[in-house]
Amino acid sequence: MSDFREAVESISEDQCSEHPGFAAAIACTRCGTFTCAFCASSGAGLCWRCLQAAPELATCWARLAASLVDGAALLLPSLLLGVLRCLALPGEAAMKAPAVYVPAFLALLVQASLIRGTGASFGKRLLGIRVVRRDGLPAEAWRIALLRNALPMALCGYCVWFGLVDALFILGEERRCLHDWVAGTRVVKAPRAQRSVAAHLATD
């Protein structure tokens, strides 16, 4: 209890690094510098400098396009293989053989590798966006795979309307879907050096 009181007193005695004369209200969650209530009004727990340096939020259209690309990369190879199998073996069910799902499994492995390295799936890399934690730090692979992908898909299996509700949350000021709130993540524009040619053409 005494340690907590000392920490609170040390903050209240310090002044904001950006606005001298204003008492510090919190410590920035990114750099640790003391900041006043005016700087902390964003709700992200960042000081003014870190807030200005924070990456720009991804647009709704970029996120939608990235989701469509990821969905196509996951489904189309298996569908194509199923159609070819149906043409070769007319009497067999097109999607019955386990081999048909091998391309989808390989696509998942590639996506997992990309997410682990950059926080962006193939579609997000193509559109020049990526997933970060709410404080701007890189998002862990488990956070993206489980909380942003697996959990929403499982909930959609029980309730079809969940997908619509999840997507409508992006219309808020912070452009965060419901699964972003659950996972504590944001989708932002990637640094220019990490963007693909397609992303540069789309944003420049």
Foldseek 3Di string as FASTA:
>chain_A
DVVVVVVQVVQQVDAAPVDPPAGFDAAAPPPRGTHHCVQCVVVLSHGVVLVVVAFAADDLVLVVQLVVVLVCQQPVQLVVQLVVVCVVPVVDRSNPDPVSNVSNVVLVVQQLVVCQVFQGGPSCQAQQKHKDASNRHRAHSCLCPPQVPVVQVVVCVVPVCSVVQQCVVCPDPQRHGPSCVRSRMGMGGHPPVSHDPNNVVVPD
